[in-house]
């Protein structure tokens, strides 16, 4: 079993910066892809970014490419999402997720955090 706990959400103005962090506990030996998803009110949960176990490979949604950066520290069992140049359309609950495989589909991720709110005002 894997437990995931997100932190770092909050409220910022357009153009601002936030850094989300996800701490992984439980099974810390298995190699998982780690990802961030987000879900806005009334919308489906959508892929934001993911990273391979080594961190060598990273993947981004087109909507955040060039603004967000995903990184992981396997020694600390954390994965972060640096969010720059935030826009109102980035407002959502952000979720950390873990999967043995690369995927951009939420149902391929068996482990999820509880989510953290990000609000960007214009």
N, C-alpha and C. Protein backbone atom coordinates (compact mmCIF):
# COMPACT_ATOMS: atom_id res chain seq x y z
N UNK A 1 0.83 -1.19 0.00
CA UNK A 1 0.00 0.00 0.00
C UNK A 1 0.87 1.25 0.00
N UNK A 2 0.36 2.25 -0.65
CA UNK A 2 1.05 3.54 -0.73
C UNK A 2 0.12 4.62 -0.20
N UNK A 3 0.64 5.48 0.65
CA UNK A 3 -0.11 6.64 1.11
C UNK A 3 0.56 7.89 0.56
N UNK A 4 -0.27 8.81 0.11
CA UNK A 4 0.21 10.04 -0.49
C UNK A 4 -0.43 11.23 0.22
N UNK A 5 0.38 12.23 0.57
CA UNK A 5 -0.12 13.42 1.26
C UNK A 5 0.40 14.66 0.55
N UNK A 6 -0.52 15.45 0.02
CA UNK A 6 -0.15 16.69 -0.67
C UNK A 6 -0.12 17.86 0.29
N UNK A 7 0.67 18.84 -0.06
CA UNK A 7 0.71 20.10 0.68
C UNK A 7 1.15 21.20 -0.27
N UNK A 8 0.92 22.44 0.14
CA UNK A 8 1.43 23.56 -0.63
C UNK A 8 0.41 24.32 -1.43
N UNK A 9 -0.85 23.90 -1.40
CA UNK A 9 -1.86 24.65 -2.13
C UNK A 9 -2.11 26.01 -1.50
N UNK A 10 -2.89 26.82 -2.19
CA UNK A 10 -3.22 28.14 -1.66
C UNK A 10 -3.83 29.01 -2.72
N UNK A 11 -3.87 30.31 -2.42
CA UNK A 11 -4.47 31.29 -3.33
C UNK A 11 -3.41 32.28 -3.78
N UNK A 12 -3.37 32.53 -5.08
CA UNK A 12 -2.43 33.50 -5.64
C UNK A 12 -3.13 34.28 -6.73
N UNK A 13 -2.49 35.35 -7.16
CA UNK A 13 -3.01 36.13 -8.28
C UNK A 13 -2.39 35.62 -9.59
N UNK A 14 -3.03 36.02 -10.68
CA UNK A 14 -2.52 35.65 -12.00
C UNK A 14 -1.05 36.03 -12.12
N UNK A 15 -0.27 35.08 -12.65
CA UNK A 15 1.15 35.30 -12.79
C UNK A 15 1.97 34.85 -11.60
N UNK A 16 1.29 34.45 -10.54
CA UNK A 16 1.97 34.04 -9.33
C UNK A 16 2.54 32.65 -9.41
N UNK A 17 3.13 32.23 -8.28
CA UNK A 17 3.84 30.96 -8.20
C UNK A 17 3.38 30.19 -6.97
N UNK A 18 3.27 28.87 -7.13
CA UNK A 18 3.03 27.97 -6.02
C UNK A 18 3.86 26.71 -6.24
N UNK A 19 4.21 26.08 -5.15
CA UNK A 19 4.92 24.79 -5.22
C UNK A 19 4.16 23.78 -4.39
N UNK A 20 3.71 22.72 -5.05
CA UNK A 20 3.02 21.63 -4.37
C UNK A 20 4.02 20.52 -4.06
N UNK A 21 3.79 19.86 -2.96
CA UNK A 21 4.64 18.74 -2.59
C UNK A 21 3.78 17.54 -2.21
N UNK A 22 4.26 16.37 -2.53
CA UNK A 22 3.55 15.13 -2.21
C UNK A 22 4.53 14.19 -1.52
N UNK A 23 4.17 13.78 -0.32
CA UNK A 23 4.99 12.86 0.45
C UNK A 23 4.41 11.46 0.36
N UNK A 24 5.26 10.51 0.03
CA UNK A 24 4.84 9.12 -0.14
C UNK A 24 5.31 8.31 1.05
N UNK A 25 4.42 7.49 1.59
CA UNK A 25 4.77 6.59 2.69
C UNK A 25 4.15 5.22 2.43
N UNK A 26 4.41 4.29 3.29
CA UNK A 26 3.94 2.92 3.08
C UNK A 26 4.97 2.16 2.25
N UNK A 27 4.58 1.67 1.11
CA UNK A 27 5.48 0.96 0.21
C UNK A 27 6.36 1.97 -0.51
N UNK A 28 7.56 2.17 0.03
CA UNK A 28 8.48 3.13 -0.60
C UNK A 28 9.56 2.42 -1.40
N UNK A 29 9.47 1.09 -1.50
CA UNK A 29 10.49 0.34 -2.23
C UNK A 29 10.13 0.12 -3.69
N UNK A 30 8.85 0.02 -3.98
CA UNK A 30 8.45 -0.24 -5.36
C UNK A 30 8.66 1.00 -6.21
N UNK A 31 8.91 0.73 -7.49
CA UNK A 31 9.18 1.82 -8.43
C UNK A 31 7.87 2.26 -9.08
N UNK A 32 7.46 3.48 -8.77
CA UNK A 32 6.21 4.01 -9.30
C UNK A 32 6.44 5.24 -10.15
N UNK A 33 5.63 5.37 -11.21
CA UNK A 33 5.49 6.66 -11.83
C UNK A 33 4.68 7.52 -10.85
N UNK A 34 5.06 8.76 -10.72
CA UNK A 34 4.33 9.69 -9.89
C UNK A 34 3.75 10.78 -10.78
N UNK A 35 2.53 11.18 -10.48
CA UNK A 35 1.85 12.14 -11.34
C UNK A 35 1.06 13.14 -10.51
N UNK A 36 0.75 14.24 -11.16
CA UNK A 36 -0.19 15.22 -10.63
C UNK A 36 -1.36 15.31 -11.59
N UNK A 37 -2.54 15.28 -11.03
CA UNK A 37 -3.79 15.51 -11.75
C UNK A 37 -4.48 16.71 -11.10
N UNK A 38 -5.48 17.23 -11.78
CA UNK A 38 -6.27 18.29 -11.18
C UNK A 38 -7.72 18.14 -11.61
N UNK A 39 -8.58 18.70 -10.78
CA UNK A 39 -10.02 18.63 -11.06
C UNK A 39 -10.67 19.94 -10.65
N UNK A 40 -11.23 20.61 -11.63
CA UNK A 40 -11.97 21.84 -11.39
C UNK A 40 -13.44 21.50 -11.15
N UNK A 41 -14.20 22.37 -10.51
CA UNK A 41 -15.61 22.08 -10.24
C UNK A 41 -16.38 21.78 -11.52
N UNK A 42 -17.12 20.68 -11.51
CA UNK A 42 -17.92 20.31 -12.65
C UNK A 42 -17.15 19.71 -13.82
N UNK A 43 -15.85 19.52 -13.62
CA UNK A 43 -15.00 19.01 -14.70
C UNK A 43 -14.45 17.64 -14.33
N UNK A 44 -14.01 16.90 -15.33
CA UNK A 44 -13.37 15.63 -15.07
C UNK A 44 -11.94 15.85 -14.58
N UNK A 45 -11.43 14.87 -13.87
CA UNK A 45 -10.05 14.94 -13.41
C UNK A 45 -9.13 14.83 -14.63
N UNK A 46 -8.14 15.71 -14.69
CA UNK A 46 -7.27 15.73 -15.86
C UNK A 46 -5.81 15.62 -15.48
N UNK A 47 -5.05 15.03 -16.38
CA UNK A 47 -3.62 14.86 -16.21
C UNK A 47 -2.92 16.21 -16.28
N UNK A 48 -1.94 16.40 -15.39
CA UNK A 48 -1.13 17.61 -15.40
C UNK A 48 0.32 17.29 -15.76
N UNK A 49 0.92 16.37 -15.01
CA UNK A 49 2.33 16.04 -15.23
C UNK A 49 2.66 14.71 -14.57
N UNK A 50 3.69 14.05 -15.09
CA UNK A 50 4.15 12.82 -14.43
C UNK A 50 5.65 12.68 -14.63
N UNK A 51 6.24 11.83 -13.79
CA UNK A 51 7.67 11.57 -13.87
C UNK A 51 7.94 10.09 -13.65
N UNK A 52 8.92 9.58 -14.36
CA UNK A 52 9.33 8.20 -14.17
C UNK A 52 10.03 8.05 -12.83
N UNK A 53 10.30 6.81 -12.44
CA UNK A 53 10.89 6.57 -11.13
C UNK A 53 12.24 7.29 -10.98
N UNK A 54 13.04 7.24 -12.01
CA UNK A 54 14.36 7.87 -11.95
C UNK A 54 14.29 9.37 -12.08
N UNK A 55 13.17 9.86 -12.58
CA UNK A 55 13.05 11.29 -12.86
C UNK A 55 13.59 11.67 -14.22
N UNK A 56 14.12 10.69 -14.94
CA UNK A 56 14.70 10.96 -16.26
C UNK A 56 13.64 11.42 -17.25
N UNK A 57 12.47 10.81 -17.16
CA UNK A 57 11.40 11.12 -18.11
C UNK A 57 10.29 11.89 -17.39
N UNK A 58 9.92 13.00 -17.99
CA UNK A 58 8.81 13.80 -17.47
C UNK A 58 7.84 14.08 -18.61
N UNK A 59 6.59 14.22 -18.24
CA UNK A 59 5.53 14.41 -19.22
C UNK A 59 4.60 15.49 -18.70
N UNK A 60 4.09 16.31 -19.63
CA UNK A 60 3.24 17.42 -19.24
C UNK A 60 2.03 17.53 -20.16
N UNK A 61 0.93 17.98 -19.59
CA UNK A 61 -0.20 18.39 -20.40
C UNK A 61 0.19 19.63 -21.19
N UNK A 62 -0.34 19.77 -22.37
CA UNK A 62 -0.02 20.93 -23.20
C UNK A 62 -0.37 22.24 -22.49
N UNK A 63 -1.40 22.21 -21.69
CA UNK A 63 -1.87 23.43 -21.04
C UNK A 63 -0.91 23.97 -19.99
N UNK A 64 0.02 23.13 -19.51
CA UNK A 64 0.94 23.58 -18.47
C UNK A 64 2.39 23.54 -18.91
N UNK A 65 2.65 23.02 -20.09
CA UNK A 65 4.02 22.88 -20.57
C UNK A 65 4.70 24.24 -20.63
N UNK A 66 5.89 24.31 -20.07
CA UNK A 66 6.63 25.57 -20.04
C UNK A 66 6.34 26.41 -18.82
N UNK A 67 5.31 26.06 -18.07
CA UNK A 67 4.97 26.81 -16.84
C UNK A 67 5.13 25.97 -15.58
N UNK A 68 4.87 24.68 -15.69
CA UNK A 68 4.95 23.78 -14.54
C UNK A 68 6.16 22.86 -14.69
N UNK A 69 6.73 22.48 -13.56
CA UNK A 69 7.85 21.55 -13.55
C UNK A 69 7.64 20.50 -12.47
N UNK A 70 7.69 19.24 -12.86
CA UNK A 70 7.57 18.15 -11.90
C UNK A 70 8.96 17.62 -11.58
N UNK A 71 9.18 17.31 -10.31
CA UNK A 71 10.46 16.76 -9.90
C UNK A 71 10.23 15.80 -8.73
N UNK A 72 11.17 14.90 -8.53
CA UNK A 72 11.02 13.96 -7.43
C UNK A 72 12.36 13.74 -6.74
N UNK A 73 12.27 13.41 -5.47
CA UNK A 73 13.44 13.09 -4.66
C UNK A 73 13.16 11.73 -4.03
N UNK A 74 13.73 10.69 -4.59
CA UNK A 74 13.44 9.34 -4.11
C UNK A 74 14.04 9.07 -2.73
N UNK A 75 15.07 9.79 -2.38
CA UNK A 75 15.65 9.63 -1.04
C UNK A 75 14.68 10.14 0.03
N UNK A 76 13.91 11.16 -0.32
CA UNK A 76 12.94 11.73 0.61
C UNK A 76 11.52 11.23 0.34
N UNK A 77 11.36 10.45 -0.74
CA UNK A 77 10.03 9.95 -1.13
C UNK A 77 9.04 11.10 -1.34
N UNK A 78 9.49 12.10 -2.07
CA UNK A 78 8.63 13.24 -2.37
C UNK A 78 8.60 13.51 -3.87
N UNK A 79 7.52 14.10 -4.32
CA UNK A 79 7.42 14.60 -5.68
C UNK A 79 6.79 15.97 -5.61
N UNK A 80 7.38 16.92 -6.28
CA UNK A 80 6.93 18.31 -6.24
C UNK A 80 6.40 18.76 -7.59
N UNK A 81 5.57 19.76 -7.55
CA UNK A 81 5.09 20.41 -8.76
C UNK A 81 5.29 21.91 -8.59
N UNK A 82 6.25 22.44 -9.29
CA UNK A 82 6.51 23.88 -9.30
C UNK A 82 5.61 24.50 -10.34
N UNK A 83 4.77 25.44 -9.93
CA UNK A 83 3.80 26.06 -10.83
C UNK A 83 4.10 27.55 -10.95
N UNK A 84 4.53 27.95 -12.10
CA UNK A 84 4.85 29.36 -12.38
C UNK A 84 3.84 29.93 -13.36
N UNK A 85 3.81 31.25 -13.43
CA UNK A 85 2.93 31.95 -14.38
C UNK A 85 1.50 31.40 -14.30
N UNK A 86 0.99 31.30 -13.11
CA UNK A 86 -0.33 30.72 -12.91
C UNK A 86 -1.43 31.56 -13.54
N UNK A 87 -2.45 30.87 -14.01
CA UNK A 87 -3.58 31.49 -14.67
C UNK A 87 -4.86 31.11 -13.93
N UNK A 88 -5.93 31.90 -14.06
CA UNK A 88 -7.19 31.53 -13.41
C UNK A 88 -7.68 30.13 -13.81
N UNK A 89 -7.41 29.73 -15.03
CA UNK A 89 -7.85 28.40 -15.46
C UNK A 89 -7.06 27.26 -14.83
N UNK A 90 -6.03 27.58 -14.07
CA UNK A 90 -5.31 26.56 -13.30
C UNK A 90 -6.01 26.26 -11.97
N UNK A 91 -7.02 27.02 -11.65
CA UNK A 91 -7.75 26.81 -10.40
C UNK A 91 -8.39 25.43 -10.39
N UNK A 92 -8.09 24.66 -9.36
CA UNK A 92 -8.59 23.28 -9.25
C UNK A 92 -8.09 22.67 -7.95
N UNK A 93 -8.60 21.50 -7.64
CA UNK A 93 -8.00 20.67 -6.61
C UNK A 93 -6.94 19.82 -7.30
N UNK A 94 -5.73 19.85 -6.76
CA UNK A 94 -4.61 19.11 -7.34
C UNK A 94 -4.36 17.84 -6.53
N UNK A 95 -4.22 16.74 -7.25
CA UNK A 95 -4.04 15.43 -6.63
C UNK A 95 -2.70 14.82 -7.05
N UNK A 96 -2.04 14.22 -6.11
CA UNK A 96 -0.86 13.41 -6.35
C UNK A 96 -1.31 11.97 -6.55
N UNK A 97 -0.67 11.25 -7.45
CA UNK A 97 -1.06 9.87 -7.73
C UNK A 97 0.17 9.04 -8.06
N UNK A 98 0.05 7.72 -7.83
CA UNK A 98 1.15 6.79 -8.11
C UNK A 98 0.65 5.60 -8.89
N UNK A 99 1.46 5.15 -9.85
CA UNK A 99 1.11 4.00 -10.67
C UNK A 99 2.38 3.25 -11.05
N UNK A 100 2.27 1.93 -11.21
CA UNK A 100 3.43 1.17 -11.68
C UNK A 100 3.77 1.46 -13.15
N UNK A 101 2.82 2.11 -13.86
CA UNK A 101 2.98 2.30 -15.29
C UNK A 101 2.80 3.77 -15.64
N UNK A 102 3.35 4.17 -16.77
CA UNK A 102 3.09 5.50 -17.30
C UNK A 102 1.67 5.53 -17.86
N UNK A 103 0.94 6.55 -17.51
CA UNK A 103 -0.39 6.75 -18.07
C UNK A 103 -0.82 8.19 -17.83
N UNK A 104 -1.69 8.68 -18.68
CA UNK A 104 -2.31 9.99 -18.47
C UNK A 104 -3.77 9.83 -18.08
N UNK A 105 -4.17 8.59 -17.80
CA UNK A 105 -5.56 8.29 -17.48
C UNK A 105 -5.71 8.05 -15.98
N UNK A 106 -6.61 8.77 -15.33
CA UNK A 106 -6.74 8.62 -13.88
C UNK A 106 -7.01 7.20 -13.41
N UNK A 107 -7.79 6.44 -14.17
CA UNK A 107 -8.16 5.11 -13.69
C UNK A 107 -7.00 4.11 -13.74
N UNK A 108 -5.86 4.53 -14.27
CA UNK A 108 -4.67 3.67 -14.26
C UNK A 108 -3.81 3.89 -13.01
N UNK A 109 -4.27 4.80 -12.14
CA UNK A 109 -3.51 5.11 -10.93
C UNK A 109 -4.25 4.53 -9.72
N UNK A 110 -3.68 3.55 -9.05
CA UNK A 110 -4.35 2.94 -7.90
C UNK A 110 -4.22 3.74 -6.60
N UNK A 111 -3.26 4.65 -6.54
CA UNK A 111 -3.00 5.36 -5.28
C UNK A 111 -3.16 6.87 -5.49
N UNK A 112 -3.87 7.50 -4.55
CA UNK A 112 -4.19 8.92 -4.65
C UNK A 112 -4.04 9.60 -3.30
N UNK A 113 -3.64 10.87 -3.36
CA UNK A 113 -3.69 11.69 -2.17
C UNK A 113 -5.08 12.29 -2.02
N UNK A 114 -5.25 13.09 -0.98
CA UNK A 114 -6.57 13.65 -0.67
C UNK A 114 -6.83 14.94 -1.44
N UNK A 115 -5.81 15.52 -2.04
CA UNK A 115 -5.98 16.73 -2.84
C UNK A 115 -5.67 17.99 -2.08
N UNK A 116 -5.23 19.00 -2.80
CA UNK A 116 -4.96 20.32 -2.23
C UNK A 116 -5.49 21.38 -3.18
N UNK A 117 -6.15 22.39 -2.62
CA UNK A 117 -6.81 23.41 -3.44
C UNK A 117 -5.81 24.45 -3.92
N UNK A 118 -5.89 24.77 -5.20
CA UNK A 118 -5.14 25.87 -5.80
C UNK A 118 -6.14 26.83 -6.42
N UNK A 119 -6.07 28.09 -6.01
CA UNK A 119 -6.98 29.10 -6.52
C UNK A 119 -6.17 30.25 -7.08
N UNK A 120 -6.43 30.59 -8.34
CA UNK A 120 -5.73 31.69 -9.00
C UNK A 120 -6.76 32.75 -9.37
N UNK A 121 -6.59 33.93 -8.83
CA UNK A 121 -7.54 35.01 -9.08
C UNK A 121 -6.97 35.98 -10.11
N UNK A 122 -7.88 36.58 -10.85
CA UNK A 122 -7.45 37.53 -11.89
C UNK A 122 -7.35 38.93 -11.36
